[in-house]
Amino acid sequence: SPSRGPGSFSAVGQASILPSGDGFWSPDGSVVGFLGHDQADDFDLELWRFTPSTSSWAKVAEAVGPGNNEVVSFSSGVGTTYRWRVKATSGTGPFDLGWIP
């Protein structure tokens, strides 16, 4: 079943990292995320990948633009640690993020 990360923004320009902490592990490097929110809001979804050799995070995929859902699908082909960044480009209010694995 998908992991879930509900949240809410109170101001435009805010961003949230999910899950908090060290991210999540994908054994084969594949990941799918779905972000749902109110139609009137423009929230964007970014996928970030961790590189152990440099201990750094880098954005590898994103879903942007208007509409009330964003989907990101990505595969690195190898076991990878990821995390999500949700950003309030315009509008405020709640969102619900689900992802696999």
N, C-alpha and C. Protein backbone atom coordinates (compact mmCIF):
# COMPACT_ATOMS: atom_id res chain seq x y z
N SER A 1 0.85 -1.19 0.00
CA SER A 1 0.00 0.00 0.00
C SER A 1 0.88 1.24 0.00
N PRO A 2 0.38 2.33 -0.55
CA PRO A 2 1.20 3.54 -0.63
C PRO A 2 1.51 4.13 0.74
N SER A 3 2.67 4.77 0.84
CA SER A 3 2.95 5.60 2.00
C SER A 3 2.21 6.92 1.80
N ARG A 4 1.87 7.57 2.92
CA ARG A 4 1.09 8.80 2.81
C ARG A 4 1.75 9.94 3.58
N GLY A 5 1.62 11.14 3.01
CA GLY A 5 2.18 12.31 3.66
C GLY A 5 1.26 13.50 3.53
N PRO A 6 0.25 13.58 4.38
CA PRO A 6 -0.62 14.76 4.33
C PRO A 6 0.07 15.98 4.92
N GLY A 7 -0.37 17.14 4.49
CA GLY A 7 0.20 18.37 5.02
C GLY A 7 -0.65 19.55 4.61
N SER A 8 -0.16 20.75 4.95
CA SER A 8 -0.91 21.95 4.64
C SER A 8 0.03 23.15 4.55
N PHE A 9 -0.30 24.09 3.68
CA PHE A 9 0.46 25.32 3.56
C PHE A 9 -0.39 26.50 3.99
N SER A 10 0.21 27.42 4.74
CA SER A 10 -0.49 28.61 5.20
C SER A 10 -0.07 29.86 4.43
N ALA A 11 0.98 29.73 3.59
CA ALA A 11 1.45 30.87 2.83
C ALA A 11 2.06 30.41 1.51
N VAL A 12 1.90 31.24 0.48
CA VAL A 12 2.51 30.95 -0.82
C VAL A 12 4.03 30.96 -0.67
N GLY A 13 4.69 30.04 -1.35
CA GLY A 13 6.14 29.96 -1.30
C GLY A 13 6.66 28.95 -0.30
N GLN A 14 5.78 28.44 0.55
CA GLN A 14 6.21 27.44 1.51
C GLN A 14 6.52 26.12 0.80
N ALA A 15 7.36 25.31 1.42
CA ALA A 15 7.69 23.99 0.89
C ALA A 15 7.78 23.01 2.04
N SER A 16 7.54 21.74 1.73
CA SER A 16 7.57 20.70 2.74
C SER A 16 8.34 19.50 2.20
N ILE A 17 9.24 18.95 3.02
CA ILE A 17 10.01 17.76 2.67
C ILE A 17 9.33 16.54 3.29
N LEU A 18 9.05 15.54 2.46
CA LEU A 18 8.39 14.32 2.93
C LEU A 18 9.10 13.09 2.39
N PRO A 19 9.28 12.02 3.17
CA PRO A 19 9.07 12.08 4.62
C PRO A 19 10.20 12.86 5.28
N SER A 20 9.98 13.32 6.49
CA SER A 20 11.04 14.03 7.21
C SER A 20 12.13 13.03 7.59
N GLY A 21 13.32 13.54 7.82
CA GLY A 21 14.42 12.65 8.20
C GLY A 21 15.24 12.23 6.99
N ASP A 22 15.50 10.92 6.88
CA ASP A 22 16.45 10.42 5.90
C ASP A 22 15.82 9.99 4.59
N GLY A 23 14.55 10.28 4.36
CA GLY A 23 13.90 9.89 3.12
C GLY A 23 13.44 8.45 3.17
N PHE A 24 13.28 7.85 1.99
CA PHE A 24 12.83 6.46 1.92
C PHE A 24 13.65 5.70 0.88
N TRP A 25 13.70 4.39 1.04
CA TRP A 25 14.55 3.53 0.21
C TRP A 25 13.70 2.81 -0.83
N SER A 26 14.16 2.82 -2.07
CA SER A 26 13.55 2.02 -3.14
C SER A 26 14.57 0.98 -3.58
N PRO A 27 14.29 -0.31 -3.36
CA PRO A 27 15.28 -1.35 -3.65
C PRO A 27 15.71 -1.40 -5.12
N ASP A 28 14.79 -1.13 -6.04
CA ASP A 28 15.14 -1.18 -7.46
C ASP A 28 15.23 0.21 -8.10
N GLY A 29 15.05 1.24 -7.28
CA GLY A 29 15.18 2.60 -7.76
C GLY A 29 13.94 3.19 -8.39
N SER A 30 12.85 2.40 -8.44
CA SER A 30 11.62 2.91 -9.05
C SER A 30 10.73 3.54 -7.99
N VAL A 31 10.04 4.60 -8.36
CA VAL A 31 9.17 5.31 -7.43
C VAL A 31 8.07 6.02 -8.21
N VAL A 32 6.89 6.04 -7.61
CA VAL A 32 5.77 6.78 -8.17
C VAL A 32 5.15 7.59 -7.04
N GLY A 33 4.86 8.88 -7.31
CA GLY A 33 4.22 9.73 -6.32
C GLY A 33 3.03 10.45 -6.91
N PHE A 34 2.02 10.65 -6.09
CA PHE A 34 0.79 11.33 -6.52
C PHE A 34 0.44 12.39 -5.50
N LEU A 35 0.29 13.63 -5.97
CA LEU A 35 -0.03 14.75 -5.09
C LEU A 35 -1.43 15.26 -5.42
N GLY A 36 -2.30 15.27 -4.44
CA GLY A 36 -3.65 15.78 -4.62
C GLY A 36 -3.87 17.01 -3.75
N HIS A 37 -4.65 17.96 -4.28
CA HIS A 37 -4.94 19.19 -3.55
C HIS A 37 -6.11 19.89 -4.23
N ASP A 38 -6.55 21.00 -3.66
CA ASP A 38 -7.68 21.73 -4.22
C ASP A 38 -7.37 22.25 -5.62
N GLN A 39 -8.37 22.24 -6.47
CA GLN A 39 -8.21 22.67 -7.86
C GLN A 39 -7.68 24.10 -7.96
N ALA A 40 -8.06 24.96 -7.03
CA ALA A 40 -7.69 26.37 -7.12
C ALA A 40 -6.23 26.62 -6.77
N ASP A 41 -5.58 25.64 -6.14
CA ASP A 41 -4.19 25.82 -5.71
C ASP A 41 -3.22 25.28 -6.75
N ASP A 42 -2.06 25.89 -6.84
CA ASP A 42 -0.98 25.38 -7.68
C ASP A 42 0.15 24.91 -6.78
N PHE A 43 0.12 23.62 -6.46
CA PHE A 43 1.17 23.00 -5.66
C PHE A 43 1.99 22.11 -6.60
N ASP A 44 3.30 22.14 -6.45
CA ASP A 44 4.19 21.37 -7.31
C ASP A 44 4.89 20.27 -6.52
N LEU A 45 5.19 19.17 -7.23
CA LEU A 45 5.79 17.99 -6.61
C LEU A 45 7.16 17.76 -7.21
N GLU A 46 8.17 17.61 -6.34
CA GLU A 46 9.53 17.34 -6.78
C GLU A 46 10.05 16.06 -6.13
N LEU A 47 10.80 15.28 -6.90
CA LEU A 47 11.47 14.08 -6.38
C LEU A 47 12.97 14.36 -6.30
N TRP A 48 13.54 14.10 -5.12
CA TRP A 48 14.97 14.33 -4.89
C TRP A 48 15.65 13.00 -4.56
N ARG A 49 16.84 12.83 -5.10
CA ARG A 49 17.62 11.60 -4.94
C ARG A 49 18.87 11.88 -4.11
N PHE A 50 19.16 10.94 -3.22
CA PHE A 50 20.35 11.08 -2.37
C PHE A 50 21.53 10.34 -3.00
N THR A 51 22.69 11.02 -3.05
CA THR A 51 23.92 10.41 -3.55
C THR A 51 24.88 10.22 -2.37
N PRO A 52 25.07 8.95 -1.94
CA PRO A 52 25.90 8.71 -0.74
C PRO A 52 27.34 9.19 -0.87
N SER A 53 27.92 9.08 -2.08
CA SER A 53 29.34 9.44 -2.23
C SER A 53 29.60 10.91 -1.94
N THR A 54 28.59 11.75 -2.17
CA THR A 54 28.76 13.17 -1.92
C THR A 54 27.87 13.66 -0.78
N SER A 55 27.09 12.75 -0.20
CA SER A 55 26.15 13.09 0.89
C SER A 55 25.27 14.27 0.51
N SER A 56 24.79 14.27 -0.73
CA SER A 56 24.00 15.40 -1.21
C SER A 56 22.72 14.94 -1.87
N TRP A 57 21.74 15.85 -1.88
CA TRP A 57 20.46 15.60 -2.53
C TRP A 57 20.40 16.39 -3.83
N ALA A 58 19.77 15.80 -4.87
CA ALA A 58 19.59 16.48 -6.14
C ALA A 58 18.21 16.17 -6.69
N LYS A 59 17.58 17.17 -7.28
CA LYS A 59 16.26 16.98 -7.87
C LYS A 59 16.39 16.20 -9.17
N VAL A 60 15.59 15.13 -9.30
CA VAL A 60 15.67 14.28 -10.49
C VAL A 60 14.39 14.28 -11.31
N ALA A 61 13.28 14.72 -10.74
CA ALA A 61 12.01 14.74 -11.47
C ALA A 61 11.07 15.71 -10.79
N GLU A 62 10.12 16.23 -11.57
CA GLU A 62 9.14 17.13 -10.98
C GLU A 62 7.88 17.14 -11.82
N ALA A 63 6.78 17.51 -11.16
CA ALA A 63 5.51 17.72 -11.84
C ALA A 63 5.02 19.09 -11.41
N VAL A 64 4.88 19.98 -12.39
CA VAL A 64 4.52 21.37 -12.10
C VAL A 64 3.33 21.78 -12.95
N GLY A 65 2.81 22.95 -12.65
CA GLY A 65 1.73 23.49 -13.45
C GLY A 65 0.40 23.45 -12.72
N PRO A 66 -0.60 24.09 -13.29
CA PRO A 66 -1.91 24.15 -12.65
C PRO A 66 -2.62 22.79 -12.69
N GLY A 67 -3.75 22.72 -12.02
CA GLY A 67 -4.46 21.45 -11.93
C GLY A 67 -4.38 20.92 -10.52
N ASN A 68 -5.24 19.97 -10.21
CA ASN A 68 -5.33 19.54 -8.82
C ASN A 68 -4.67 18.20 -8.55
N ASN A 69 -3.90 17.69 -9.49
CA ASN A 69 -3.08 16.53 -9.14
C ASN A 69 -1.81 16.51 -9.99
N GLU A 70 -0.74 16.10 -9.35
CA GLU A 70 0.55 15.95 -10.01
C GLU A 70 1.04 14.53 -9.77
N VAL A 71 1.61 13.94 -10.83
CA VAL A 71 2.14 12.57 -10.74
C VAL A 71 3.59 12.58 -11.19
N VAL A 72 4.45 11.94 -10.40
CA VAL A 72 5.85 11.77 -10.77
C VAL A 72 6.16 10.28 -10.79
N SER A 73 6.76 9.83 -11.88
CA SER A 73 7.23 8.44 -12.00
C SER A 73 8.68 8.48 -12.44
N PHE A 74 9.54 7.72 -11.73
CA PHE A 74 10.97 7.79 -11.99
C PHE A 74 11.62 6.47 -11.62
N SER A 75 12.68 6.11 -12.34
CA SER A 75 13.47 4.95 -11.95
C SER A 75 14.95 5.21 -12.22
N SER A 76 15.77 4.93 -11.23
CA SER A 76 17.21 5.09 -11.38
C SER A 76 17.87 3.79 -11.83
N GLY A 77 17.16 2.66 -11.70
CA GLY A 77 17.71 1.37 -12.10
C GLY A 77 18.53 0.68 -11.02
N VAL A 78 18.80 1.40 -9.92
CA VAL A 78 19.55 0.81 -8.80
C VAL A 78 18.89 1.25 -7.49
N GLY A 79 19.21 0.56 -6.42
CA GLY A 79 18.66 0.92 -5.12
C GLY A 79 19.00 2.37 -4.78
N THR A 80 18.00 3.13 -4.40
CA THR A 80 18.18 4.57 -4.24
C THR A 80 17.35 5.08 -3.07
N THR A 81 17.89 6.08 -2.37
CA THR A 81 17.14 6.79 -1.35
C THR A 81 16.58 8.07 -1.96
N TYR A 82 15.28 8.29 -1.73
CA TYR A 82 14.59 9.45 -2.28
C TYR A 82 13.90 10.23 -1.16
N ARG A 83 13.48 11.45 -1.50
CA ARG A 83 12.53 12.18 -0.69
C ARG A 83 11.72 13.10 -1.60
N TRP A 84 10.57 13.53 -1.12
CA TRP A 84 9.70 14.42 -1.87
C TRP A 84 9.80 15.85 -1.35
N ARG A 85 9.62 16.81 -2.25
CA ARG A 85 9.47 18.21 -1.86
C ARG A 85 8.19 18.74 -2.50
N VAL A 86 7.27 19.19 -1.67
CA VAL A 86 6.02 19.77 -2.14
C VAL A 86 6.11 21.28 -1.93
N LYS A 87 5.72 22.03 -2.97
CA LYS A 87 5.90 23.48 -2.93
C LYS A 87 4.58 24.18 -3.27
N ALA A 88 4.26 25.23 -2.52
CA ALA A 88 3.07 26.03 -2.78
C ALA A 88 3.45 27.18 -3.72
N THR A 89 3.22 26.96 -5.02
CA THR A 89 3.54 28.00 -6.00
C THR A 89 2.50 29.11 -5.95
N SER A 90 1.25 28.72 -5.80
CA SER A 90 0.19 29.70 -5.55
C SER A 90 -0.92 29.01 -4.78
N GLY A 91 -1.63 29.77 -3.97
CA GLY A 91 -2.69 29.20 -3.16
C GLY A 91 -2.15 28.63 -1.86
N THR A 92 -3.07 28.34 -0.95
CA THR A 92 -2.72 27.74 0.34
C THR A 92 -3.75 26.66 0.66
N GLY A 93 -3.47 25.91 1.73
CA GLY A 93 -4.42 24.88 2.14
C GLY A 93 -3.80 23.50 2.17
N PRO A 94 -4.64 22.46 2.28
CA PRO A 94 -4.15 21.11 2.50
C PRO A 94 -3.71 20.41 1.22
N PHE A 95 -2.87 19.41 1.41
CA PHE A 95 -2.51 18.51 0.31
C PHE A 95 -2.39 17.10 0.87
N ASP A 96 -2.40 16.13 -0.04
CA ASP A 96 -2.21 14.73 0.35
C ASP A 96 -1.26 14.08 -0.66
N LEU A 97 -0.15 13.58 -0.17
CA LEU A 97 0.84 12.94 -1.02
C LEU A 97 0.86 11.45 -0.73
N GLY A 98 0.79 10.65 -1.79
CA GLY A 98 0.93 9.21 -1.65
C GLY A 98 2.06 8.73 -2.56
N TRP A 99 2.80 7.70 -2.12
CA TRP A 99 3.88 7.21 -2.97
C TRP A 99 4.14 5.73 -2.74
N ILE A 100 4.72 5.12 -3.76
CA ILE A 100 5.16 3.72 -3.74
C ILE A 100 6.61 3.71 -4.22
N PRO A 101 7.57 3.05 -3.58
CA PRO A 101 7.33 2.11 -2.48
C PRO A 101 7.15 2.87 -1.17
